[in-house]
Amino acid sequence: MNATSSRAHTIISIEFKQITTFNGQKGVKLSVINLVDLAGSEKADQTGATGDRLKEGCAINKSLTCLGNVISVLADKATGKGKGLVVPYRDSALTRMLQNALGGNSKTIMICSLSPASINYEETLSTLRYADRAKKIQNKAVVNENPQDKLIRELKEENAALKLMLGDNPPPGAGVGPDPEQAEKMKKMQEELEANMAAMNDMQKNYQDLVEEEKKEEEEHQRKKEEETE
């Protein structure tokens, strides 16, 4: 609301990549942090803006109104009132750029600055209402995974739990008579562990390895067939 105001929204995007390697397989986790500095709404009668400054102020107010509409629809959807409503992300460049940060797979924090001056009472009240609507939005951020990678990860976690259980149980007959029930339980856990390991190994083989294995099996089958005919 002064001559030195930037009259612009500022968005800084920071992209993080976590690259891991397991058994020659590379995995990548990607996360994006958006740091957004929104310009405050401007009233022409208070700022005295004219010409280009007035146009800039109008553009700022329009984008903030669009952002408020998006927040309202997302808040209604979170409370169950907005079924069937379309979130108007495309109404402005600002909301389009922040689509993933507002209603996507994300966590969003909004910090509002308020003026203590009584002359800005209406602006302060409007900002608090804006923030109150934003608080009603409920997003649940989860890590998007390839289904196969997710299954491998779950198998590894299950294997770790099985190994821990097997390690906590002494082998049957150690100092005391064998416990048939305990022995059977440990046998099942061991079989499950081995089955999980085999499944993991199969899933981690790439397509070319599977083709080569299939080719070798076919050649072996053909060789045995020829030997039988001879």
Protein backbone atom coordinates (compact mmCIF):
# COMPACT_ATOMS: atom_id res chain seq x y z
CA MET A 1 0.00 0.00 0.00
CA ASN A 2 2.88 2.33 -0.75
CA ALA A 3 5.23 3.34 -3.57
CA THR A 4 7.84 0.71 -2.60
CA SER A 5 5.37 -2.20 -2.59
CA SER A 6 6.32 -4.91 -5.08
CA ARG A 7 2.64 -5.35 -6.04
CA ALA A 8 3.41 -8.94 -6.98
CA HIS A 9 3.06 -12.46 -5.61
CA THR A 10 6.38 -14.27 -5.16
CA ILE A 11 6.62 -18.07 -5.48
CA ILE A 12 9.86 -19.97 -4.82
CA SER A 13 9.81 -23.72 -5.54
CA ILE A 14 12.44 -26.01 -4.02
CA GLU A 15 12.63 -29.56 -5.36
CA PHE A 16 14.06 -32.33 -3.20
CA LYS A 17 15.10 -35.75 -4.50
CA GLN A 18 16.03 -38.70 -2.32
CA ILE A 19 17.80 -41.38 -4.36
CA THR A 20 18.29 -44.82 -2.84
CA THR A 21 19.80 -48.02 -4.27
CA PHE A 22 18.90 -51.54 -3.15
CA ASN A 23 20.17 -54.66 -4.92
CA GLY A 24 21.07 -52.61 -7.97
CA GLN A 25 17.58 -51.08 -8.17
CA LYS A 26 17.41 -47.29 -7.96
CA GLY A 27 14.52 -45.63 -6.16
CA VAL A 28 13.67 -41.93 -6.19
CA LYS A 29 11.44 -39.97 -3.84
CA LEU A 30 10.48 -36.49 -5.02
CA SER A 31 9.14 -33.67 -2.89
CA VAL A 32 8.47 -30.02 -3.75
CA ILE A 33 8.29 -27.16 -1.27
CA ASN A 34 6.56 -23.98 -2.42
CA LEU A 35 7.42 -20.80 -0.50
CA VAL A 36 4.76 -18.24 -1.37
CA ASP A 37 4.69 -14.56 -0.46
CA LEU A 38 1.27 -13.19 -1.35
CA ALA A 39 0.87 -9.49 -2.00
CA GLY A 40 -1.74 -7.85 0.22
CA SER A 41 -5.04 -6.69 -1.18
CA GLU A 42 -5.08 -3.04 -2.24
CA LYS A 43 -7.84 -0.45 -2.09
CA ALA A 44 -7.54 2.28 -4.67
CA ASP A 45 -9.03 4.94 -2.41
CA GLN A 46 -6.44 4.22 0.30
CA THR A 47 -3.39 3.79 -1.92
CA GLY A 48 -4.22 6.57 -4.34
CA ALA A 49 -2.90 4.39 -7.16
CA THR A 50 -3.48 5.41 -10.76
CA GLY A 51 -2.44 4.18 -14.22
CA ASP A 52 -0.25 1.07 -14.22
CA ARG A 53 -0.15 0.91 -10.41
CA LEU A 54 -3.95 0.79 -10.36
CA LYS A 55 -3.98 -2.04 -12.93
CA GLU A 56 -1.44 -3.97 -10.88
CA GLY A 57 -3.54 -3.53 -7.74
CA CYS A 58 -6.65 -4.75 -9.58
CA ALA A 59 -4.78 -7.83 -10.83
CA ILE A 60 -3.59 -8.59 -7.28
CA ASN A 61 -7.11 -8.27 -5.87
CA LYS A 62 -8.52 -10.49 -8.62
CA SER A 63 -5.99 -13.26 -7.99
CA LEU A 64 -6.59 -13.09 -4.22
CA THR A 65 -10.33 -13.34 -4.84
CA CYS A 66 -9.75 -16.44 -7.01
CA LEU A 67 -7.56 -17.92 -4.28
CA GLY A 68 -10.29 -17.23 -1.74
CA ASN A 69 -12.85 -19.00 -3.96
CA VAL A 70 -10.57 -22.05 -4.26
CA ILE A 71 -10.07 -22.14 -0.49
CA SER A 72 -13.84 -21.86 0.09
CA VAL A 73 -14.63 -24.79 -2.22
CA LEU A 74 -11.88 -26.94 -0.70
CA ALA A 75 -13.12 -26.08 2.80
CA ASP A 76 -16.70 -27.00 1.81
CA LYS A 77 -15.49 -30.31 0.38
CA ALA A 78 -13.59 -31.03 3.61
CA THR A 79 -16.75 -30.46 5.68
CA GLY A 80 -18.94 -32.48 3.30
CA LYS A 81 -20.89 -29.51 1.90
CA GLY A 82 -19.19 -29.25 -1.48
CA LYS A 83 -20.07 -32.54 -3.15
CA GLY A 84 -20.05 -32.14 -6.90
CA LEU A 85 -18.40 -28.71 -6.81
CA VAL A 86 -15.50 -28.10 -9.18
CA VAL A 87 -12.50 -26.37 -7.61
CA PRO A 88 -11.82 -23.26 -9.77
CA TYR A 89 -8.04 -23.66 -10.01
CA ARG A 90 -7.96 -22.35 -13.60
CA ASP A 91 -9.51 -18.99 -12.79
CA SER A 92 -6.09 -17.41 -12.23
CA ALA A 93 -2.40 -18.12 -12.82
CA LEU A 94 -1.79 -17.99 -9.04
CA THR A 95 -4.26 -20.76 -8.16
CA ARG A 96 -3.15 -22.85 -11.15
CA MET A 97 0.48 -22.72 -9.98
CA LEU A 98 -0.48 -23.53 -6.39
CA GLN A 99 -2.95 -26.31 -7.23
CA ASN A 100 -0.78 -29.09 -5.79
CA ALA A 101 -0.03 -27.06 -2.66
CA LEU A 102 -3.69 -26.28 -1.94
CA GLY A 103 -5.70 -29.41 -2.60
CA GLY A 104 -3.19 -31.96 -3.73
CA ASN A 105 -1.04 -34.51 -1.93
CA SER A 106 0.46 -31.89 0.36
CA LYS A 107 0.66 -30.16 3.71
CA THR A 108 0.11 -26.41 3.67
CA ILE A 109 0.81 -23.75 6.28
CA MET A 110 -0.53 -20.22 5.94
CA ILE A 111 0.88 -17.32 7.98
CA CYS A 112 -1.12 -14.09 7.91
CA SER A 113 0.24 -10.66 8.79
CA LEU A 114 -2.19 -8.22 10.38
CA SER A 115 -2.14 -4.50 10.95
CA PRO A 116 -2.77 -3.25 14.52
CA ALA A 117 -4.06 0.09 13.23
CA SER A 118 -7.79 0.73 13.64
CA ILE A 119 -7.91 2.23 10.14
CA ASN A 120 -7.14 -1.27 8.78
CA TYR A 121 -9.87 -2.99 10.83
CA GLU A 122 -11.77 -4.21 7.77
CA GLU A 123 -8.59 -5.57 6.15
CA THR A 124 -7.61 -7.34 9.36
CA LEU A 125 -11.06 -8.91 9.78
CA SER A 126 -11.07 -10.02 6.13
CA THR A 127 -7.61 -11.60 6.53
CA LEU A 128 -8.68 -13.51 9.65
CA ARG A 129 -11.75 -14.84 7.83
CA TYR A 130 -9.50 -15.84 4.93
CA ALA A 131 -7.22 -17.78 7.30
CA ASP A 132 -10.19 -19.37 9.10
CA ARG A 133 -11.47 -20.79 5.80
CA ALA A 134 -8.02 -22.11 4.95
CA LYS A 135 -7.87 -23.94 8.31
CA LYS A 136 -10.89 -26.03 7.32
CA ILE A 137 -9.10 -27.61 4.35
CA GLN A 138 -8.10 -31.18 5.16
CA ASN A 139 -5.36 -32.81 3.08
CA LYS A 140 -3.77 -36.15 3.82
CA ALA A 141 -0.23 -36.23 2.48
CA VAL A 142 1.04 -39.70 1.53
CA VAL A 143 4.05 -40.94 -0.40
CA ASN A 144 3.07 -42.00 -3.92
CA GLU A 145 4.78 -45.28 -4.73
CA ASN A 146 5.05 -47.63 -7.64
CA PRO A 147 2.80 -50.62 -6.74
CA GLN A 148 5.69 -53.05 -7.20
CA ASP A 149 8.06 -50.89 -5.13
CA LYS A 150 5.41 -50.63 -2.42
CA LEU A 151 4.94 -54.42 -2.36
CA ILE A 152 8.70 -54.98 -2.12
CA ARG A 153 8.94 -52.46 0.72
CA GLU A 154 6.08 -54.16 2.60
CA LEU A 155 7.70 -57.58 2.11
CA LYS A 156 10.99 -56.25 3.47
CA GLU A 157 9.20 -54.84 6.52
CA GLU A 158 7.40 -58.15 7.05
CA ASN A 159 10.69 -60.06 6.71
CA ALA A 160 12.34 -57.81 9.29
CA ALA A 161 9.46 -58.49 11.71
CA LEU A 162 9.66 -62.26 11.08
CA LYS A 163 13.43 -62.29 11.65
CA LEU A 164 12.92 -60.40 14.89
CA MET A 165 10.30 -62.91 16.03
CA LEU A 166 12.51 -65.85 15.10
CA GLY A 167 15.44 -64.26 16.93
CA ASP A 168 13.41 -63.75 20.10
CA ASN A 169 12.38 -67.43 20.19
CA PRO A 170 15.09 -69.96 21.13
CA PRO A 171 15.23 -73.14 19.04
CA PRO A 172 13.19 -76.06 20.37
CA GLY A 173 15.03 -78.32 22.78
CA ALA A 174 17.51 -75.68 24.01
CA GLY A 175 17.89 -76.74 27.65
CA VAL A 176 14.32 -78.02 27.91
CA GLY A 177 12.15 -80.49 26.08
CA PRO A 178 10.98 -79.46 22.58
CA ASP A 179 7.67 -77.63 22.42
CA PRO A 180 5.78 -79.04 19.38
CA GLU A 181 3.46 -76.04 19.17
CA GLN A 182 6.35 -73.57 19.31
CA ALA A 183 8.34 -75.61 16.78
CA GLU A 184 5.42 -75.64 14.36
CA LYS A 185 4.95 -71.90 14.78
CA MET A 186 8.62 -71.21 14.07
CA LYS A 187 8.54 -73.54 11.08
CA LYS A 188 5.62 -71.61 9.57
CA MET A 189 7.38 -68.29 10.18
CA GLN A 190 10.53 -69.61 8.52
CA GLU A 191 8.55 -70.85 5.51
CA GLU A 192 6.79 -67.48 5.25
CA LEU A 193 10.14 -65.69 5.44
CA GLU A 194 11.60 -67.85 2.66
CA ALA A 195 8.47 -67.35 0.50
CA ASN A 196 8.72 -63.58 0.94
CA MET A 197 12.40 -63.61 -0.01
CA ALA A 198 11.63 -65.64 -3.14
CA ALA A 199 8.82 -63.25 -4.10
CA MET A 200 11.11 -60.25 -3.59
CA ASN A 201 13.83 -61.78 -5.75
CA ASP A 202 11.34 -62.50 -8.53
CA MET A 203 9.94 -58.96 -8.47
CA GLN A 204 13.39 -57.36 -8.50
CA LYS A 205 14.40 -59.15 -11.67
CA ASN A 206 14.10 -56.91 -14.68
CA TYR A 207 12.20 -57.84 -17.81
CA GLN A 208 15.31 -58.87 -19.73
CA ASP A 209 16.32 -61.32 -17.00
CA LEU A 210 12.88 -62.90 -17.12
CA VAL A 211 13.09 -63.22 -20.91
CA GLU A 212 16.52 -64.89 -20.64
CA GLU A 213 15.25 -67.31 -17.99
CA GLU A 214 12.24 -68.20 -20.12
CA LYS A 215 14.51 -68.77 -23.11
CA LYS A 216 16.82 -71.07 -21.14
CA GLU A 217 13.89 -73.06 -19.79
CA GLU A 218 12.51 -73.45 -23.31
CA GLU A 219 15.91 -74.62 -24.60
CA GLU A 220 16.22 -77.10 -21.72
CA HIS A 221 12.73 -78.42 -22.38
CA GLN A 222 13.52 -78.80 -26.11
CA ARG A 223 16.80 -80.61 -25.33
CA LYS A 224 15.05 -83.11 -23.03
CA LYS A 225 12.39 -83.67 -25.68
CA GLU A 226 15.04 -84.43 -28.31
CA GLU A 227 16.82 -86.84 -25.95
CA GLU A 228 13.59 -88.71 -25.32
CA THR A 229 12.92 -89.09 -29.06
CA GLU A 230 16.41 -90.46 -29.64
